[in-house]
Amino acid sequence: LIVKEAPFLLLVCLAALPNLDAPRRVALARSLGYAPAKAWLLTVTPALYRQIRLPLFAVLVFASSTVDVALVLGPSLPPTLSVRILDWFTAPTLGARELAAAAAMLQLAVSLISLAIWIGVETLARTLYLYAIRRGAPQRIHHSHYTNLALNGLGRLLLPTALLATGGGLLALGVASIAGDWRYPLVLPADWTAEHWIAAQQNLFLPARNALTIALGAVVAAMVIALLLLESQNRQNRHDDRLIWLLYLPLLIPQVVFLSGMVF
């Protein structure tokens, strides 16, 4: 899930960076004796985190309550809580929906506890940041140089690794869809077949149409809401965080809880 959400968080960061005047912040920290990487971490990162905090909360709630990813990657006996809620919600037995409703409230509590733990991590990180800032720039130039190289190497390694893992996962799905007999320890399938695509072709049109319809509808609605919000803030010449929280509130509710509550 971390690898899956890395490209999304990267796009959110790229959208937020132009508003932070990062070059001026880094230049000011460099004038105080900080290396480039540490200057970025101490001056740009806190401001950037404030911009992406709500999207990060939405990702955390999704990761703690996802159904679709858990169906593919999660355990089956026993399944994750979100998958079990879906099973109870769709079960024909009497009382299953009431059990699903109770479990959905438990899922909501799990997601809220996850957010509380993350906020605790934020408090610890804030303490460490204040300690680092109060120490000032390092006096040993060689030590600072090696630290800067290590941070640069780490930053250049993490993102390509996440993107390669995501691309590798998609490639593995594509290979598996045309694989025939593929047993351990073979690196590639022993034979190839298009039977899976032929079998799924008859039932593929309706899910694809529904997915495209939902995606286009969500994108259009999001663009309209974003433009209205930006135009309102521009005319009032102020930034109202309450509207942002209102927009993100549905994303901070686990999907299985939100959808089950709508049906009830």
Protein backbone atom coordinates (compact mmCIF):
# COMPACT_ATOMS: atom_id res chain seq x y z
CA LEU A 1 0.00 0.00 0.00
CA ILE A 2 2.89 2.36 0.72
CA VAL A 3 4.35 1.68 -2.73
CA LYS A 4 0.91 2.10 -4.33
CA GLU A 5 0.30 5.51 -2.76
CA ALA A 6 3.81 6.88 -3.36
CA PRO A 7 3.04 8.28 -6.87
CA PHE A 8 -0.13 9.93 -5.56
CA LEU A 9 1.71 11.64 -2.70
CA LEU A 10 4.45 12.68 -5.13
CA LEU A 11 1.90 14.44 -7.35
CA VAL A 12 0.39 16.14 -4.29
CA CYS A 13 3.85 17.37 -3.25
CA LEU A 14 4.61 18.65 -6.75
CA ALA A 15 1.32 20.58 -6.74
CA ALA A 16 2.06 22.13 -3.32
CA LEU A 17 5.72 23.06 -3.89
CA PRO A 18 5.19 26.15 -6.12
CA ASN A 19 3.37 27.88 -3.23
CA LEU A 20 6.26 27.47 -0.77
CA ASP A 21 9.03 29.54 -2.39
CA ALA A 22 11.44 26.67 -1.75
CA PRO A 23 14.54 28.26 -3.38
CA ARG A 24 14.39 31.27 -1.06
CA ARG A 25 13.96 29.06 2.01
CA VAL A 26 16.92 26.87 1.03
CA ALA A 27 19.08 29.89 0.19
CA LEU A 28 18.36 31.43 3.59
CA ALA A 29 19.30 28.20 5.38
CA ARG A 30 22.43 27.83 3.24
CA SER A 31 23.51 31.32 4.31
CA LEU A 32 23.36 30.09 7.92
CA GLY A 33 25.77 27.24 7.17
CA TYR A 34 23.46 24.31 6.43
CA ALA A 35 24.16 21.82 3.66
CA PRO A 36 21.64 21.78 0.76
CA ALA A 37 19.84 18.57 1.77
CA LYS A 38 19.58 19.54 5.43
CA ALA A 39 18.49 23.05 4.47
CA TRP A 40 15.64 21.53 2.47
CA LEU A 41 14.64 19.20 5.31
CA LEU A 42 14.63 21.94 7.94
CA THR A 43 12.95 24.74 5.98
CA VAL A 44 10.87 23.28 3.14
CA THR A 45 9.76 19.93 4.53
CA PRO A 46 7.71 21.29 7.50
CA ALA A 47 5.89 23.77 5.25
CA LEU A 48 5.33 21.08 2.62
CA TYR A 49 3.99 18.66 5.21
CA ARG A 50 1.38 21.18 6.32
CA GLN A 51 0.16 21.34 2.72
CA ILE A 52 -0.13 17.55 2.27
CA ARG A 53 -1.32 16.68 5.79
CA LEU A 54 -4.96 16.15 4.84
CA PRO A 55 -4.19 14.02 1.74
CA LEU A 56 -1.83 11.98 3.92
CA PHE A 57 -4.62 11.43 6.45
CA ALA A 58 -6.89 10.27 3.62
CA VAL A 59 -4.24 7.79 2.47
CA LEU A 60 -3.85 6.50 6.03
CA VAL A 61 -7.60 5.94 6.42
CA PHE A 62 -7.74 4.20 3.05
CA ALA A 63 -4.81 1.94 3.93
CA SER A 64 -6.38 0.91 7.24
CA SER A 65 -9.78 0.09 5.73
CA THR A 66 -9.25 -0.84 2.08
CA VAL A 67 -11.39 -3.62 0.63
CA ASP A 68 -10.25 -4.06 -2.98
CA VAL A 69 -6.53 -4.25 -2.22
CA ALA A 70 -7.19 -6.53 0.76
CA LEU A 71 -9.17 -8.91 -1.46
CA VAL A 72 -6.16 -9.27 -3.78
CA LEU A 73 -3.20 -9.06 -1.41
CA GLY A 74 -4.64 -9.71 2.04
CA PRO A 75 -5.05 -13.03 3.86
CA SER A 76 -8.16 -15.08 3.24
CA LEU A 77 -8.41 -17.13 6.46
CA PRO A 78 -9.10 -15.00 8.39
CA PRO A 79 -9.69 -12.02 6.08
CA THR A 80 -9.06 -8.44 7.11
CA LEU A 81 -11.78 -6.60 9.01
CA SER A 82 -12.93 -4.57 6.01
CA VAL A 83 -13.36 -7.70 3.87
CA ARG A 84 -15.25 -9.45 6.67
CA ILE A 85 -17.57 -6.45 6.95
CA LEU A 86 -18.29 -6.69 3.21
CA ASP A 87 -19.01 -10.42 3.57
CA TRP A 88 -21.43 -9.82 6.43
CA PHE A 89 -23.08 -6.94 4.60
CA THR A 90 -23.78 -9.08 1.50
CA ALA A 91 -24.68 -12.28 3.41
CA PRO A 92 -28.32 -13.43 3.07
CA THR A 93 -28.57 -14.59 6.69
CA LEU A 94 -30.73 -12.74 9.22
CA GLY A 95 -28.85 -10.36 11.45
CA ALA A 96 -25.80 -10.22 9.20
CA ARG A 97 -26.35 -6.55 8.37
CA GLU A 98 -26.61 -5.60 12.03
CA LEU A 99 -23.35 -7.45 12.64
CA ALA A 100 -21.80 -5.63 9.67
CA ALA A 101 -22.97 -2.29 11.10
CA ALA A 102 -21.34 -3.04 14.46
CA ALA A 103 -18.13 -4.17 12.76
CA ALA A 104 -18.19 -1.01 10.60
CA MET A 105 -18.14 1.10 13.76
CA LEU A 106 -15.18 -0.97 14.93
CA GLN A 107 -13.48 -0.26 11.59
CA LEU A 108 -14.10 3.44 12.10
CA ALA A 109 -12.47 3.19 15.54
CA VAL A 110 -9.46 1.39 14.00
CA SER A 111 -9.00 4.17 11.45
CA LEU A 112 -9.33 6.87 14.12
CA ILE A 113 -6.75 5.09 16.28
CA SER A 114 -4.42 4.97 13.27
CA LEU A 115 -4.81 8.72 12.85
CA ALA A 116 -4.17 9.25 16.56
CA ILE A 117 -0.96 7.19 16.36
CA TRP A 118 0.18 9.21 13.34
CA ILE A 119 -0.50 12.47 15.18
CA GLY A 120 1.66 11.11 18.00
CA VAL A 121 4.43 10.47 15.47
CA GLU A 122 3.98 14.06 14.27
CA THR A 123 4.53 15.29 17.84
CA LEU A 124 7.73 13.26 18.13
CA ALA A 125 8.98 14.52 14.75
CA ARG A 126 8.23 18.11 15.77
CA THR A 127 10.30 17.65 18.93
CA LEU A 128 13.23 16.24 16.93
CA TYR A 129 12.98 19.10 14.41
CA LEU A 130 13.07 21.71 17.16
CA TYR A 131 16.10 19.99 18.68
CA ALA A 132 17.91 19.96 15.34
CA ILE A 133 17.12 23.62 14.68
CA ARG A 134 18.27 24.72 18.13
CA ARG A 135 21.61 22.96 17.65
CA GLY A 136 22.30 25.13 14.64
CA ALA A 137 24.43 24.28 11.63
CA PRO A 138 27.15 21.64 12.16
CA GLN A 139 30.63 23.03 12.72
CA ARG A 140 32.42 20.06 11.14
CA ILE A 141 32.33 20.64 7.40
CA HIS A 142 33.37 17.10 6.43
CA HIS A 143 30.70 15.58 8.64
CA SER A 144 28.10 17.87 7.08
CA HIS A 145 29.32 16.94 3.58
CA TYR A 146 28.94 13.19 4.21
CA THR A 147 25.50 13.70 5.77
CA ASN A 148 24.42 15.69 2.73
CA LEU A 149 25.64 12.94 0.39
CA ALA A 150 23.79 10.30 2.40
CA LEU A 151 20.53 12.29 2.35
CA ASN A 152 20.86 12.96 -1.38
CA GLY A 153 21.48 9.28 -2.06
CA LEU A 154 18.51 8.26 0.07
CA GLY A 155 16.23 10.74 -1.66
CA ARG A 156 17.35 9.64 -5.13
CA LEU A 157 16.88 5.97 -4.24
CA LEU A 158 13.49 5.84 -2.50
CA LEU A 159 11.27 7.31 -5.22
CA PRO A 160 12.69 5.29 -8.15
CA THR A 161 12.42 2.17 -6.00
CA ALA A 162 8.74 2.86 -5.31
CA LEU A 163 8.02 3.60 -8.97
CA LEU A 164 9.89 0.47 -10.12
CA ALA A 165 7.98 -1.64 -7.62
CA THR A 166 4.66 -0.19 -8.82
CA GLY A 167 5.59 -0.73 -12.46
CA GLY A 168 6.88 -4.21 -11.66
CA GLY A 169 3.57 -5.08 -10.02
CA LEU A 170 1.63 -3.96 -13.09
CA LEU A 171 4.00 -5.91 -15.34
CA ALA A 172 3.56 -9.02 -13.18
CA LEU A 173 -0.23 -8.71 -13.49
CA GLY A 174 0.08 -8.44 -17.27
CA VAL A 175 2.31 -11.52 -17.46
CA ALA A 176 0.00 -13.48 -15.15
CA SER A 177 -3.01 -12.65 -17.35
CA ILE A 178 -1.46 -14.45 -20.34
CA ALA A 179 0.39 -17.16 -18.41
CA GLY A 180 -0.48 -20.80 -18.67
CA ASP A 181 1.35 -23.33 -16.53
CA TRP A 182 3.56 -21.33 -14.14
CA ARG A 183 4.98 -23.32 -11.27
CA TYR A 184 7.73 -22.64 -8.80
CA PRO A 185 10.70 -22.22 -9.33
CA LEU A 186 10.18 -21.13 -12.96
CA VAL A 187 11.00 -17.46 -13.53
CA LEU A 188 8.63 -17.27 -16.52
CA PRO A 189 5.55 -19.33 -17.39
CA ALA A 190 6.11 -22.63 -19.16
CA ASP A 191 3.50 -21.72 -21.77
CA TRP A 192 1.38 -18.74 -22.78
CA THR A 193 -2.35 -18.52 -23.43
CA ALA A 194 -5.05 -15.96 -24.16
CA GLU A 195 -7.83 -18.06 -22.61
CA HIS A 196 -8.10 -15.77 -19.57
CA TRP A 197 -8.75 -12.73 -21.76
CA ILE A 198 -11.21 -14.63 -23.96
CA ALA A 199 -13.12 -15.90 -20.91
CA ALA A 200 -13.28 -12.42 -19.36
CA GLN A 201 -14.13 -10.63 -22.60
CA GLN A 202 -17.87 -11.32 -22.33
CA ASN A 203 -18.11 -9.83 -18.83
CA LEU A 204 -15.53 -7.09 -19.28
CA PHE A 205 -17.61 -4.40 -20.99
CA LEU A 206 -20.00 -3.58 -18.13
CA PRO A 207 -17.33 -3.24 -15.37
CA ALA A 208 -15.12 -1.17 -17.69
CA ARG A 209 -18.03 1.12 -18.60
CA ASN A 210 -19.00 1.55 -14.94
CA ALA A 211 -15.38 2.27 -13.95
CA LEU A 212 -14.97 4.91 -16.68
CA THR A 213 -18.31 6.51 -15.84
CA ILE A 214 -17.52 6.74 -12.13
CA ALA A 215 -13.99 8.01 -12.81
CA LEU A 216 -15.12 10.72 -15.25
CA GLY A 217 -17.95 11.79 -12.96
CA ALA A 218 -15.62 12.02 -9.96
CA VAL A 219 -12.99 13.99 -11.91
CA VAL A 220 -15.53 16.47 -13.30
CA ALA A 221 -17.13 16.99 -9.89
CA ALA A 222 -13.71 17.43 -8.24
CA MET A 223 -12.63 20.00 -10.86
CA VAL A 224 -15.85 21.99 -10.46
CA ILE A 225 -15.58 22.00 -6.65
CA ALA A 226 -11.87 22.96 -6.78
CA LEU A 227 -12.51 25.83 -9.20
CA LEU A 228 -15.41 27.14 -7.12
CA LEU A 229 -13.31 26.94 -3.96
CA LEU A 230 -10.34 28.74 -5.54
CA GLU A 231 -12.58 31.43 -7.04
CA SER A 232 -14.27 31.98 -3.66
CA GLN A 233 -10.94 32.30 -1.87
CA ASN A 234 -9.63 34.65 -4.56
CA ARG A 235 -12.64 36.95 -4.30
CA GLN A 236 -12.61 36.97 -0.50
CA ASN A 237 -8.81 37.32 -0.49
CA ARG A 238 -8.41 34.82 2.35
CA HIS A 239 -7.75 31.13 2.88
CA ASP A 240 -10.42 29.27 4.86
CA ASP A 241 -9.17 25.91 6.17
CA ARG A 242 -12.69 24.94 7.26
CA LEU A 243 -13.76 24.49 3.63
CA ILE A 244 -10.74 22.26 2.98
CA TRP A 245 -11.59 20.09 5.98
CA LEU A 246 -15.20 19.87 4.78
CA LEU A 247 -14.04 18.63 1.38
CA TYR A 248 -11.71 16.04 2.89
CA LEU A 249 -14.16 14.81 5.51
CA PRO A 250 -15.66 12.04 3.29
CA LEU A 251 -12.10 10.81 2.58
CA LEU A 252 -11.40 10.57 6.31
CA ILE A 253 -14.24 8.08 6.76
CA PRO A 254 -13.46 4.43 5.86
CA GLN A 255 -15.10 3.51 2.56
CA VAL A 256 -16.83 0.42 3.87
CA VAL A 257 -18.38 2.48 6.71
CA PHE A 258 -19.46 5.30 4.40
CA LEU A 259 -21.07 3.06 1.76
CA SER A 260 -22.75 0.78 4.31
CA GLY A 261 -24.21 3.80 6.09
CA MET A 262 -25.64 5.14 2.81
CA VAL A 263 -27.33 1.80 2.10
CA PHE A 264 -28.74 1.54 5.63
